[in-house]
Amino acid sequence: MAAAPTLLCADSASPAAKPLGGGLVGVLPWVLIFVVFYFLLIRPQQKQAQQQKKMIDALKKGDRILTQGGFYATVSAVKGKVLEVKLNDEVKVLVAKSAVSQVVAGDPAQDIETPKPAVS
């Protein structure tokens, strides 16, 4: 019976039985993964959302916009969360502010190059 307590003491005294650094070694990789995700994914997405919100809040009459549906329009009135936009001189529609993709400068139709005739 005296041999059993010595075996228990010998097992508990071995250095391999205790994890190094306590629980820190097991948690450290997860903390590093979270930090990498924060700086590579979460933070840039938050900055982009802030810029989009500033752009939407700054919309005013006369701004040329591109909607998420691909329509170019001119803002004719701002009514809370809704914009009244002109697609052309005759057509006015209501668009949610959240549907605005970007504010554009100039007329996008002028940016399209006309095809040149082939030279024979």
N, C-alpha and C. Protein backbone atom coordinates (compact mmCIF):
# COMPACT_ATOMS: atom_id res chain seq x y z
N MET A 1 0.79 -1.19 0.00
CA MET A 1 0.00 0.00 0.00
C MET A 1 0.84 1.27 0.00
N ALA A 2 2.01 1.17 0.48
CA ALA A 2 2.87 2.33 0.52
C ALA A 2 3.36 2.71 -0.86
N ALA A 3 3.32 1.79 -1.80
CA ALA A 3 3.81 2.06 -3.15
C ALA A 3 2.83 2.93 -3.94
N ALA A 4 1.55 2.84 -3.67
CA ALA A 4 0.55 3.60 -4.43
C ALA A 4 0.69 5.10 -4.22
N PRO A 5 0.91 5.61 -2.99
CA PRO A 5 1.08 7.05 -2.84
C PRO A 5 2.33 7.56 -3.54
N THR A 6 3.38 6.80 -3.62
CA THR A 6 4.58 7.26 -4.29
C THR A 6 4.35 7.38 -5.79
N LEU A 7 3.58 6.50 -6.37
CA LEU A 7 3.29 6.58 -7.79
C LEU A 7 2.46 7.83 -8.10
N LEU A 8 1.51 8.12 -7.25
CA LEU A 8 0.69 9.31 -7.46
C LEU A 8 1.52 10.57 -7.35
N CYS A 9 2.43 10.58 -6.40
CA CYS A 9 3.28 11.76 -6.23
C CYS A 9 4.23 11.90 -7.42
N ALA A 10 4.72 10.79 -7.94
CA ALA A 10 5.64 10.85 -9.07
C ALA A 10 4.93 11.32 -10.32
N ASP A 11 3.67 10.93 -10.53
CA ASP A 11 2.92 11.37 -11.70
C ASP A 11 2.58 12.85 -11.64
N SER A 12 2.22 13.34 -10.48
CA SER A 12 1.83 14.74 -10.36
C SER A 12 3.03 15.67 -10.39
N ALA A 13 4.20 15.15 -10.13
CA ALA A 13 5.39 15.98 -10.11
C ALA A 13 6.05 16.08 -11.48
N SER A 14 5.61 15.30 -12.45
CA SER A 14 6.26 15.34 -13.75
C SER A 14 5.92 16.64 -14.48
N PRO A 15 6.88 17.23 -15.20
CA PRO A 15 6.65 18.51 -15.87
C PRO A 15 5.68 18.41 -17.04
N ALA A 16 5.49 17.25 -17.62
CA ALA A 16 4.59 17.10 -18.76
C ALA A 16 3.13 17.18 -18.34
N ALA A 17 2.84 17.01 -17.09
CA ALA A 17 1.45 17.01 -16.63
C ALA A 17 0.87 18.43 -16.58
N LYS A 18 1.70 19.44 -16.39
CA LYS A 18 1.21 20.82 -16.29
C LYS A 18 1.33 21.52 -17.64
N PRO A 19 0.26 22.16 -18.12
CA PRO A 19 0.39 22.91 -19.37
C PRO A 19 1.23 24.16 -19.16
N LEU A 20 2.03 24.49 -20.14
CA LEU A 20 2.88 25.66 -20.04
C LEU A 20 2.05 26.93 -20.17
N GLY A 21 2.27 27.90 -19.35
CA GLY A 21 1.58 29.18 -19.44
C GLY A 21 0.13 29.12 -18.97
N GLY A 22 -0.25 28.08 -18.34
CA GLY A 22 -1.63 27.96 -17.89
C GLY A 22 -2.57 27.85 -19.08
N GLY A 23 -3.70 28.58 -19.04
CA GLY A 23 -4.66 28.55 -20.12
C GLY A 23 -4.37 29.57 -21.20
N LEU A 24 -3.33 30.39 -21.01
CA LEU A 24 -3.00 31.46 -21.95
C LEU A 24 -2.59 30.91 -23.31
N VAL A 25 -1.88 29.82 -23.33
CA VAL A 25 -1.42 29.23 -24.58
C VAL A 25 -2.61 28.76 -25.42
N GLY A 26 -3.65 28.27 -24.78
CA GLY A 26 -4.83 27.82 -25.50
C GLY A 26 -5.70 28.96 -26.00
N VAL A 27 -5.67 30.11 -25.33
CA VAL A 27 -6.52 31.25 -25.68
C VAL A 27 -5.81 32.19 -26.66
N LEU A 28 -4.50 32.24 -26.60
CA LEU A 28 -3.73 33.18 -27.42
C LEU A 28 -4.00 33.06 -28.93
N PRO A 29 -4.06 31.88 -29.52
CA PRO A 29 -4.37 31.81 -30.96
C PRO A 29 -5.74 32.39 -31.30
N TRP A 30 -6.73 32.18 -30.44
CA TRP A 30 -8.06 32.73 -30.68
C TRP A 30 -8.06 34.25 -30.62
N VAL A 31 -7.30 34.79 -29.70
CA VAL A 31 -7.19 36.25 -29.59
C VAL A 31 -6.51 36.80 -30.84
N LEU A 32 -5.47 36.17 -31.31
CA LEU A 32 -4.77 36.61 -32.52
C LEU A 32 -5.68 36.52 -33.74
N ILE A 33 -6.46 35.45 -33.85
CA ILE A 33 -7.40 35.32 -34.97
C ILE A 33 -8.42 36.44 -34.93
N PHE A 34 -8.95 36.75 -33.76
CA PHE A 34 -9.93 37.82 -33.64
C PHE A 34 -9.32 39.17 -34.03
N VAL A 35 -8.10 39.44 -33.60
CA VAL A 35 -7.43 40.70 -33.94
C VAL A 35 -7.23 40.81 -35.45
N VAL A 36 -6.80 39.74 -36.09
CA VAL A 36 -6.60 39.75 -37.54
C VAL A 36 -7.93 39.97 -38.25
N PHE A 37 -8.99 39.28 -37.83
CA PHE A 37 -10.31 39.48 -38.44
C PHE A 37 -10.79 40.90 -38.25
N TYR A 38 -10.54 41.48 -37.08
CA TYR A 38 -10.99 42.84 -36.82
C TYR A 38 -10.35 43.82 -37.80
N PHE A 39 -9.03 43.74 -37.95
CA PHE A 39 -8.34 44.70 -38.80
C PHE A 39 -8.49 44.43 -40.29
N LEU A 40 -8.72 43.18 -40.69
CA LEU A 40 -8.85 42.87 -42.11
C LEU A 40 -10.29 42.88 -42.61
N LEU A 41 -11.26 42.60 -41.75
CA LEU A 41 -12.65 42.49 -42.20
C LEU A 41 -13.60 43.48 -41.53
N ILE A 42 -13.64 43.48 -40.22
CA ILE A 42 -14.65 44.25 -39.49
C ILE A 42 -14.41 45.74 -39.61
N ARG A 43 -13.21 46.21 -39.34
CA ARG A 43 -12.92 47.65 -39.34
C ARG A 43 -13.11 48.29 -40.72
N PRO A 44 -12.60 47.71 -41.81
CA PRO A 44 -12.85 48.31 -43.12
C PRO A 44 -14.33 48.36 -43.49
N GLN A 45 -15.09 47.34 -43.08
CA GLN A 45 -16.52 47.33 -43.38
C GLN A 45 -17.22 48.43 -42.60
N GLN A 46 -16.83 48.67 -41.37
CA GLN A 46 -17.42 49.76 -40.57
C GLN A 46 -17.09 51.12 -41.19
N LYS A 47 -15.86 51.29 -41.66
CA LYS A 47 -15.48 52.56 -42.29
C LYS A 47 -16.28 52.79 -43.56
N GLN A 48 -16.48 51.74 -44.36
CA GLN A 48 -17.25 51.86 -45.58
C GLN A 48 -18.71 52.19 -45.27
N ALA A 49 -19.27 51.59 -44.23
CA ALA A 49 -20.66 51.88 -43.84
C ALA A 49 -20.79 53.33 -43.37
N GLN A 50 -19.79 53.84 -42.65
CA GLN A 50 -19.80 55.24 -42.21
C GLN A 50 -19.75 56.18 -43.41
N GLN A 51 -18.91 55.89 -44.39
CA GLN A 51 -18.80 56.73 -45.58
C GLN A 51 -20.11 56.72 -46.37
N GLN A 52 -20.74 55.55 -46.48
CA GLN A 52 -22.02 55.44 -47.18
C GLN A 52 -23.10 56.26 -46.47
N LYS A 53 -23.12 56.21 -45.14
CA LYS A 53 -24.11 56.97 -44.37
C LYS A 53 -23.89 58.47 -44.53
N LYS A 54 -22.63 58.91 -44.50
CA LYS A 54 -22.33 60.33 -44.71
C LYS A 54 -22.78 60.78 -46.09
N MET A 55 -22.52 59.94 -47.10
CA MET A 55 -22.90 60.27 -48.47
C MET A 55 -24.42 60.39 -48.59
N ILE A 56 -25.14 59.47 -47.99
CA ILE A 56 -26.60 59.51 -48.06
C ILE A 56 -27.16 60.71 -47.31
N ASP A 57 -26.58 61.02 -46.15
CA ASP A 57 -27.05 62.17 -45.37
C ASP A 57 -26.77 63.49 -46.08
N ALA A 58 -25.76 63.53 -46.95
CA ALA A 58 -25.37 64.77 -47.62
C ALA A 58 -26.09 64.97 -48.96
N LEU A 59 -26.98 64.05 -49.35
CA LEU A 59 -27.69 64.21 -50.61
C LEU A 59 -28.56 65.46 -50.60
N LYS A 60 -28.55 66.16 -51.73
CA LYS A 60 -29.34 67.39 -51.84
C LYS A 60 -29.89 67.51 -53.25
N LYS A 61 -30.78 68.43 -53.43
CA LYS A 61 -31.40 68.65 -54.72
C LYS A 61 -30.32 68.97 -55.77
N GLY A 62 -30.43 68.33 -56.93
CA GLY A 62 -29.49 68.56 -58.01
C GLY A 62 -28.37 67.55 -58.10
N ASP A 63 -28.18 66.72 -57.07
CA ASP A 63 -27.12 65.69 -57.12
C ASP A 63 -27.48 64.62 -58.14
N ARG A 64 -26.47 64.18 -58.90
CA ARG A 64 -26.63 63.05 -59.82
C ARG A 64 -26.27 61.79 -59.04
N ILE A 65 -27.14 60.77 -59.09
CA ILE A 65 -26.91 59.55 -58.31
C ILE A 65 -26.99 58.32 -59.21
N LEU A 66 -26.43 57.24 -58.70
CA LEU A 66 -26.56 55.93 -59.31
C LEU A 66 -27.24 55.05 -58.27
N THR A 67 -28.38 54.45 -58.63
CA THR A 67 -29.08 53.58 -57.68
C THR A 67 -28.52 52.18 -57.75
N GLN A 68 -28.88 51.37 -56.77
CA GLN A 68 -28.42 49.98 -56.76
C GLN A 68 -29.02 49.19 -57.91
N GLY A 69 -30.13 49.68 -58.46
CA GLY A 69 -30.75 49.03 -59.60
C GLY A 69 -30.10 49.41 -60.92
N GLY A 70 -29.15 50.36 -60.89
CA GLY A 70 -28.44 50.73 -62.10
C GLY A 70 -29.01 51.95 -62.81
N PHE A 71 -29.94 52.66 -62.18
CA PHE A 71 -30.52 53.85 -62.80
C PHE A 71 -29.70 55.09 -62.42
N TYR A 72 -29.40 55.91 -63.41
CA TYR A 72 -28.81 57.22 -63.16
C TYR A 72 -29.97 58.20 -63.06
N ALA A 73 -29.94 59.06 -62.06
CA ALA A 73 -31.04 59.99 -61.85
C ALA A 73 -30.51 61.26 -61.21
N THR A 74 -31.36 62.30 -61.19
CA THR A 74 -31.05 63.57 -60.55
C THR A 74 -32.03 63.77 -59.41
N VAL A 75 -31.50 64.09 -58.23
CA VAL A 75 -32.36 64.30 -57.07
C VAL A 75 -33.13 65.59 -57.27
N SER A 76 -34.47 65.51 -57.15
CA SER A 76 -35.28 66.71 -57.27
C SER A 76 -35.86 67.14 -55.93
N ALA A 77 -35.93 66.22 -54.94
CA ALA A 77 -36.40 66.58 -53.60
C ALA A 77 -35.95 65.50 -52.61
N VAL A 78 -35.70 65.93 -51.38
CA VAL A 78 -35.33 65.01 -50.30
C VAL A 78 -36.47 65.05 -49.30
N LYS A 79 -37.07 63.88 -49.04
CA LYS A 79 -38.23 63.78 -48.14
C LYS A 79 -37.97 62.71 -47.09
N GLY A 80 -37.25 63.03 -46.06
CA GLY A 80 -36.96 62.05 -45.01
C GLY A 80 -36.09 60.92 -45.50
N LYS A 81 -36.64 59.70 -45.48
CA LYS A 81 -35.89 58.52 -45.93
C LYS A 81 -36.11 58.22 -47.40
N VAL A 82 -36.82 59.14 -48.09
CA VAL A 82 -37.16 58.93 -49.49
C VAL A 82 -36.64 60.09 -50.33
N LEU A 83 -36.21 59.78 -51.54
CA LEU A 83 -35.78 60.80 -52.49
C LEU A 83 -36.75 60.82 -53.66
N GLU A 84 -37.07 62.00 -54.13
CA GLU A 84 -37.78 62.11 -55.39
C GLU A 84 -36.72 62.41 -56.43
N VAL A 85 -36.63 61.53 -57.42
CA VAL A 85 -35.57 61.67 -58.43
C VAL A 85 -36.18 61.75 -59.81
N LYS A 86 -35.48 62.45 -60.70
CA LYS A 86 -35.87 62.55 -62.10
C LYS A 86 -34.98 61.62 -62.91
N LEU A 87 -35.63 60.69 -63.62
CA LEU A 87 -34.87 59.82 -64.52
C LEU A 87 -34.61 60.54 -65.84
N ASN A 88 -35.58 61.36 -66.27
CA ASN A 88 -35.42 62.24 -67.42
C ASN A 88 -36.34 63.44 -67.19
N ASP A 89 -36.56 64.27 -68.17
CA ASP A 89 -37.37 65.47 -67.96
C ASP A 89 -38.83 65.16 -67.65
N GLU A 90 -39.31 64.00 -68.04
CA GLU A 90 -40.73 63.68 -67.88
C GLU A 90 -41.03 62.70 -66.75
N VAL A 91 -40.07 61.91 -66.32
CA VAL A 91 -40.32 60.83 -65.36
C VAL A 91 -39.68 61.16 -64.01
N LYS A 92 -40.55 61.22 -62.97
CA LYS A 92 -40.09 61.38 -61.59
C LYS A 92 -40.53 60.16 -60.81
N VAL A 93 -39.65 59.62 -59.98
CA VAL A 93 -39.98 58.46 -59.16
C VAL A 93 -39.47 58.69 -57.73
N LEU A 94 -40.05 57.94 -56.79
CA LEU A 94 -39.58 57.96 -55.42
C LEU A 94 -38.63 56.78 -55.22
N VAL A 95 -37.51 57.06 -54.56
CA VAL A 95 -36.48 56.05 -54.32
C VAL A 95 -36.09 56.13 -52.85
N ALA A 96 -35.93 54.99 -52.21
CA ALA A 96 -35.43 54.97 -50.84
C ALA A 96 -33.98 55.45 -50.83
N LYS A 97 -33.62 56.21 -49.80
CA LYS A 97 -32.23 56.69 -49.70
C LYS A 97 -31.25 55.53 -49.66
N SER A 98 -31.67 54.43 -49.04
CA SER A 98 -30.77 53.28 -48.92
C SER A 98 -30.49 52.62 -50.26
N ALA A 99 -31.27 52.95 -51.30
CA ALA A 99 -31.05 52.38 -52.64
C ALA A 99 -30.02 53.15 -53.44
N VAL A 100 -29.49 54.23 -52.88
CA VAL A 100 -28.49 55.03 -53.59
C VAL A 100 -27.14 54.34 -53.43
N SER A 101 -26.51 54.06 -54.55
CA SER A 101 -25.21 53.39 -54.54
C SER A 101 -24.07 54.40 -54.43
N GLN A 102 -24.16 55.46 -55.26
CA GLN A 102 -23.11 56.48 -55.22
C GLN A 102 -23.59 57.77 -55.86
N VAL A 103 -22.90 58.83 -55.55
CA VAL A 103 -23.13 60.12 -56.19
C VAL A 103 -22.13 60.21 -57.34
N VAL A 104 -22.63 60.55 -58.53
CA VAL A 104 -21.76 60.61 -59.71
C VAL A 104 -21.63 62.04 -60.18
N ALA A 105 -20.52 62.32 -60.82
CA ALA A 105 -20.28 63.66 -61.35
C ALA A 105 -20.48 63.62 -62.86
N GLY A 106 -21.17 64.60 -63.39
CA GLY A 106 -21.33 64.69 -64.83
C GLY A 106 -22.37 63.73 -65.37
N ASP A 107 -22.40 63.63 -66.67
CA ASP A 107 -23.35 62.76 -67.36
C ASP A 107 -22.64 61.48 -67.77
N PRO A 108 -23.06 60.33 -67.24
CA PRO A 108 -22.37 59.08 -67.59
C PRO A 108 -22.53 58.70 -69.05
N ALA A 109 -23.55 59.20 -69.74
CA ALA A 109 -23.74 58.87 -71.15
C ALA A 109 -22.63 59.47 -72.01
N GLN A 110 -22.00 60.55 -71.55
CA GLN A 110 -20.92 61.17 -72.31
C GLN A 110 -19.63 60.38 -72.19
N ASP A 111 -19.53 59.51 -71.19
CA ASP A 111 -18.33 58.71 -71.00
C ASP A 111 -18.24 57.54 -71.97
N ILE A 112 -19.36 57.21 -72.60
CA ILE A 112 -19.38 56.08 -73.53
C ILE A 112 -18.77 56.52 -74.85
N GLU A 113 -17.81 55.75 -75.32
CA GLU A 113 -17.16 56.07 -76.59
C GLU A 113 -18.00 55.55 -77.74
N THR A 114 -18.12 56.34 -78.77
CA THR A 114 -18.84 55.88 -79.96
C THR A 114 -17.89 55.01 -80.77
N PRO A 115 -18.40 53.92 -81.32
CA PRO A 115 -17.52 53.02 -82.08
C PRO A 115 -17.03 53.72 -83.35
N LYS A 116 -15.75 53.53 -83.62
CA LYS A 116 -15.16 54.13 -84.82
C LYS A 116 -15.33 53.17 -86.00
N PRO A 117 -15.59 53.73 -87.17
CA PRO A 117 -15.75 52.84 -88.33
C PRO A 117 -14.44 52.14 -88.64
N ALA A 118 -14.57 50.92 -89.09
CA ALA A 118 -13.39 50.13 -89.44
C ALA A 118 -12.77 50.67 -90.72
N VAL A 119 -11.45 50.76 -90.70
CA VAL A 119 -10.72 51.24 -91.87
C VAL A 119 -10.31 50.05 -92.71
N SER A 120 -10.65 50.09 -94.01
CA SER A 120 -10.31 48.96 -94.89
C SER A 120 -9.03 49.21 -95.63
